[in-house]
Every structure is written in structure tokens, then in C-alpha cells.
C-alpha atoms as a PDB file:
ATOM      1  CA  MET A   1      -1.158   1.924 -25.330  1.00  0.00           C
ATOM      2  CA  ASP A   2       1.811   2.795 -23.101  1.00  0.00           C
ATOM      3  CA  SER A   3       2.624   0.852 -19.919  1.00  0.00           C
ATOM      4  CA  ASP A   4       1.324   3.558 -17.534  1.00  0.00           C
ATOM      5  CA  THR A   5      -2.026   3.671 -19.297  1.00  0.00           C
ATOM      6  CA  LEU A   6      -2.219  -0.125 -19.328  1.00  0.00           C
ATOM      7  CA  ARG A   7      -1.344  -0.306 -15.607  1.00  0.00           C
ATOM      8  CA  ALA A   8      -3.967   2.325 -14.759  1.00  0.00           C
ATOM      9  CA  ALA A   9      -6.593   0.398 -16.734  1.00  0.00           C
ATOM     10  CA  GLN A  10      -5.681  -2.849 -14.955  1.00  0.00           C
ATOM     11  CA  ASP A  11      -5.843  -1.162 -11.540  1.00  0.00           C
ATOM     12  CA  SER A  12      -9.214   0.333 -12.409  1.00  0.00           C
ATOM     13  CA  MET A  13     -10.556  -3.067 -13.492  1.00  0.00           C
ATOM     14  CA  LYS A  14      -9.370  -4.670 -10.234  1.00  0.00           C
ATOM     15  CA  ALA A  15     -11.103  -1.959  -8.194  1.00  0.00           C
ATOM     16  CA  ALA A  16     -14.277  -2.424 -10.254  1.00  0.00           C
ATOM     17  CA  ASN A  17     -14.174  -6.184  -9.595  1.00  0.00           C
ATOM     18  CA  LEU A  18     -13.906  -5.554  -5.852  1.00  0.00           C
ATOM     19  CA  ARG A  19     -16.916  -3.239  -6.029  1.00  0.00           C
ATOM     20  CA  LYS A  20     -18.925  -5.890  -7.926  1.00  0.00           C
ATOM     21  CA  GLN A  21     -18.137  -8.333  -5.114  1.00  0.00           C
ATOM     22  CA  GLY A  22     -19.590  -5.856  -2.627  1.00  0.00           C
ATOM     23  CA  GLU A  23     -16.240  -4.659  -1.307  1.00  0.00           C
ATOM     24  CA  HIS A  24     -14.945  -1.131  -1.579  1.00  0.00           C
ATOM     25  CA  PRO A  25     -11.227  -1.084  -2.501  1.00  0.00           C
ATOM     26  CA  CYS A  26     -10.390   1.102   0.511  1.00  0.00           C
ATOM     27  CA  ARG A  27     -12.287  -1.117   2.946  1.00  0.00           C
ATOM     28  CA  THR A  28     -10.791  -4.529   2.221  1.00  0.00           C
ATOM     29  CA  PHE A  29      -8.356  -4.362   5.146  1.00  0.00           C
ATOM     30  CA  GLN A  30      -9.403  -6.608   8.004  1.00  0.00           C
ATOM     31  CA  GLN A  31      -9.984  -5.142  11.440  1.00  0.00           C
ATOM     32  CA  PRO A  32      -7.282  -6.176  13.929  1.00  0.00           C
ATOM     33  CA  GLN A  33      -8.591  -8.662  16.474  1.00  0.00           C
ATOM     34  CA  HIS A  34      -6.335  -7.552  19.337  1.00  0.00           C
ATOM     35  CA  GLU A  35      -5.335  -3.898  19.540  1.00  0.00           C
ATOM     36  CA  ASP A  36      -2.981  -4.635  22.429  1.00  0.00           C
ATOM     37  CA  ARG A  37      -0.752  -6.839  20.271  1.00  0.00           C
ATOM     38  CA  GLY A  38       2.451  -5.297  19.004  1.00  0.00           C
ATOM     39  CA  ILE A  39       2.891  -3.977  15.507  1.00  0.00           C
ATOM     40  CA  GLU A  40       5.021  -7.032  14.671  1.00  0.00           C
ATOM     41  CA  PHE A  41       1.848  -9.156  14.772  1.00  0.00           C
ATOM     42  CA  ASP A  42      -0.072  -6.922  12.360  1.00  0.00           C
ATOM     43  CA  ARG A  43      -0.663  -8.148   8.862  1.00  0.00           C
ATOM     44  CA  HIS A  44       1.980  -6.607   6.616  1.00  0.00           C
ATOM     45  CA  TYR A  45       1.074  -5.517   3.094  1.00  0.00           C
ATOM     46  CA  SER A  46       3.337  -5.254   0.094  1.00  0.00           C
ATOM     47  CA  VAL A  47       3.433  -2.120  -2.021  1.00  0.00           C
ATOM     48  CA  GLN A  48       1.738  -4.068  -4.840  1.00  0.00           C
ATOM     49  CA  GLU A  49      -1.170  -5.132  -2.599  1.00  0.00           C
ATOM     50  CA  ILE A  50      -1.850  -1.588  -1.426  1.00  0.00           C
ATOM     51  CA  ALA A  51      -1.570  -0.280  -4.997  1.00  0.00           C
ATOM     52  CA  GLU A  52      -4.220  -2.776  -6.133  1.00  0.00           C
ATOM     53  CA  ILE A  53      -6.561  -2.049  -3.214  1.00  0.00           C
ATOM     54  CA  TRP A  54      -6.257   1.727  -3.435  1.00  0.00           C
ATOM     55  CA  GLY A  55      -6.211   1.845  -7.242  1.00  0.00           C
ATOM     56  CA  LEU A  56      -2.871   3.663  -7.391  1.00  0.00           C
ATOM     57  CA  SER A  57       0.382   2.915  -9.170  1.00  0.00           C
ATOM     58  CA  VAL A  58       3.094   0.963  -7.379  1.00  0.00           C
ATOM     59  CA  ASP A  59       5.424   3.954  -7.735  1.00  0.00           C
ATOM     60  CA  LYS A  60       2.928   6.295  -6.049  1.00  0.00           C
ATOM     61  CA  VAL A  61       2.359   3.897  -3.136  1.00  0.00           C
ATOM     62  CA  ARG A  62       6.118   3.464  -2.708  1.00  0.00           C
ATOM     63  CA  GLN A  63       6.484   7.263  -2.653  1.00  0.00           C
ATOM     64  CA  ILE A  64       3.745   7.587  -0.011  1.00  0.00           C
ATOM     65  CA  PHE A  65       5.230   4.962   2.336  1.00  0.00           C
ATOM     66  CA  GLU A  66       9.000   5.104   1.758  1.00  0.00           C
ATOM     67  CA  ASN A  67       9.693   7.535   4.646  1.00  0.00           C
ATOM     68  CA  GLU A  68       6.784   6.524   6.880  1.00  0.00           C
ATOM     69  CA  PRO A  69       7.717   5.384  10.433  1.00  0.00           C
ATOM     70  CA  ASP A  70       7.224   1.671  11.328  1.00  0.00           C
ATOM     71  CA  VAL A  71       7.504   0.462   7.702  1.00  0.00           C
ATOM     72  CA  LEU A  72       9.856  -2.512   7.333  1.00  0.00           C
ATOM     73  CA  ARG A  73      12.602  -2.000   4.789  1.00  0.00           C
ATOM     74  CA  VAL A  74      14.126  -5.282   3.618  1.00  0.00           C
ATOM     75  CA  GLY A  75      17.051  -5.454   1.216  1.00  0.00           C
ATOM     76  CA  LYS A  76      20.082  -3.502   0.189  1.00  0.00           C
ATOM     77  CA  GLY A  77      20.040   0.256  -0.026  1.00  0.00           C
ATOM     78  CA  ASP A  78      23.603   0.659  -1.251  1.00  0.00           C
ATOM     79  CA  ARG A  79      24.043   4.245  -2.393  1.00  0.00           C
ATOM     80  CA  ARG A  80      26.921   3.271  -4.683  1.00  0.00           C
ATOM     81  CA  SER A  81      24.768   1.045  -6.871  1.00  0.00           C
ATOM     82  CA  CYS A  82      22.508   2.404  -9.590  1.00  0.00           C
ATOM     83  CA  ARG A  83      19.400   0.798  -8.145  1.00  0.00           C
ATOM     84  CA  ARG A  84      18.145   0.297  -4.623  1.00  0.00           C
ATOM     85  CA  TYR A  85      16.920  -3.200  -3.887  1.00  0.00           C
ATOM     86  CA  ILE A  86      14.551  -2.506  -1.025  1.00  0.00           C
ATOM     87  CA  THR A  87      11.230  -4.190  -0.344  1.00  0.00           C
ATOM     88  CA  LEU A  88       8.747  -2.269   1.782  1.00  0.00           C
ATOM     89  CA  MET A  89       6.460  -4.276   4.065  1.00  0.00           C
ATOM     90  CA  ILE A  90       3.761  -2.044   5.533  1.00  0.00           C
ATOM     91  CA  PRO A  91       1.935  -2.976   8.767  1.00  0.00           C
ATOM     92  CA  GLU A  92      -1.831  -2.683   8.682  1.00  0.00           C
ATOM     93  CA  ARG A  93      -1.989   0.018  11.344  1.00  0.00           C
ATOM     94  CA  VAL A  94       0.454   2.132   9.297  1.00  0.00           C
ATOM     95  CA  VAL A  95      -1.786   1.675   6.238  1.00  0.00           C
ATOM     96  CA  ARG A  96      -4.777   2.811   8.295  1.00  0.00           C
ATOM     97  CA  ARG A  97      -2.869   5.795   9.732  1.00  0.00           C
ATOM     98  CA  VAL A  98      -1.727   6.985   6.296  1.00  0.00           C
ATOM     99  CA  HIS A  99      -5.179   6.431   4.788  1.00  0.00           C
ATOM    100  CA  ALA A 100      -6.783   8.513   7.563  1.00  0.00           C
ATOM    101  CA  ARG A 101      -4.207  11.272   7.088  1.00  0.00           C
ATOM    102  CA  LEU A 102      -4.741  11.342   3.306  1.00  0.00           C
ATOM    103  CA  ARG A 103      -8.519  11.293   3.747  1.00  0.00           C
ATOM    104  CA  ALA A 104      -8.355  14.210   6.234  1.00  0.00           C
ATOM    105  CA  ARG A 105      -6.110  16.175   3.870  1.00  0.00           C
ATOM    106  CA  GLY A 106      -8.666  15.733   1.068  1.00  0.00           C
ATOM    107  CA  LYS A 107     -11.536  17.295   3.046  1.00  0.00           C
END
């Protein structure tokens, strides 16, 4: 079994476990308590967390959010090196905005 197949199976099992617990993978984000607070007070999700919740690969989630406004980019993005070392931290309201846009596109 190759690594992509294994990762997809693991993601699927995690989503199934959430469903067994009565939670839908797309609905596990908590509602913000104060809408008037700034985006800096939102819960920030890692790419891995969103990938697990949405049942997608880490690479796909990174692709979805890498150019999205208001996403924190932490690390070095040196174009001379072979690899970018950038961590994306995604505020909850950005996750909700992207999810709504993707959902609307699928209709």
C-alpha cells in the first residue's frame, strides 16, 4: 500500500470516528463567542488539523489556503533554497469563509 493510499485510509477512519461520536467532520469548528473581536483572537488551525477534519490530504489543504488572505505564514520562504519552510496558521473565520465558498461552488 503506497503512502497516499495509507494516508487517505487514515483520514477516512478519523472522519468515521468523528461521525460515530455524533460529530460531522465539517462541523467540529466551534462557534466564535464574540464576533466583534479581531481575527487575532480567533482560534487558529494548522493545516494538519483541517486536513483531518475535512478528510483531505495535507497537501490539498495547503494548496487551498496558501494564497488565502488573513492566513498567517510563519517561517522562511527563501526562494534560493530547495524547500520552503513555512507553517500556515489559519484563523477560524478564514476556514469558515473558504468552506462556504467551496460548498457554494459545489452546488
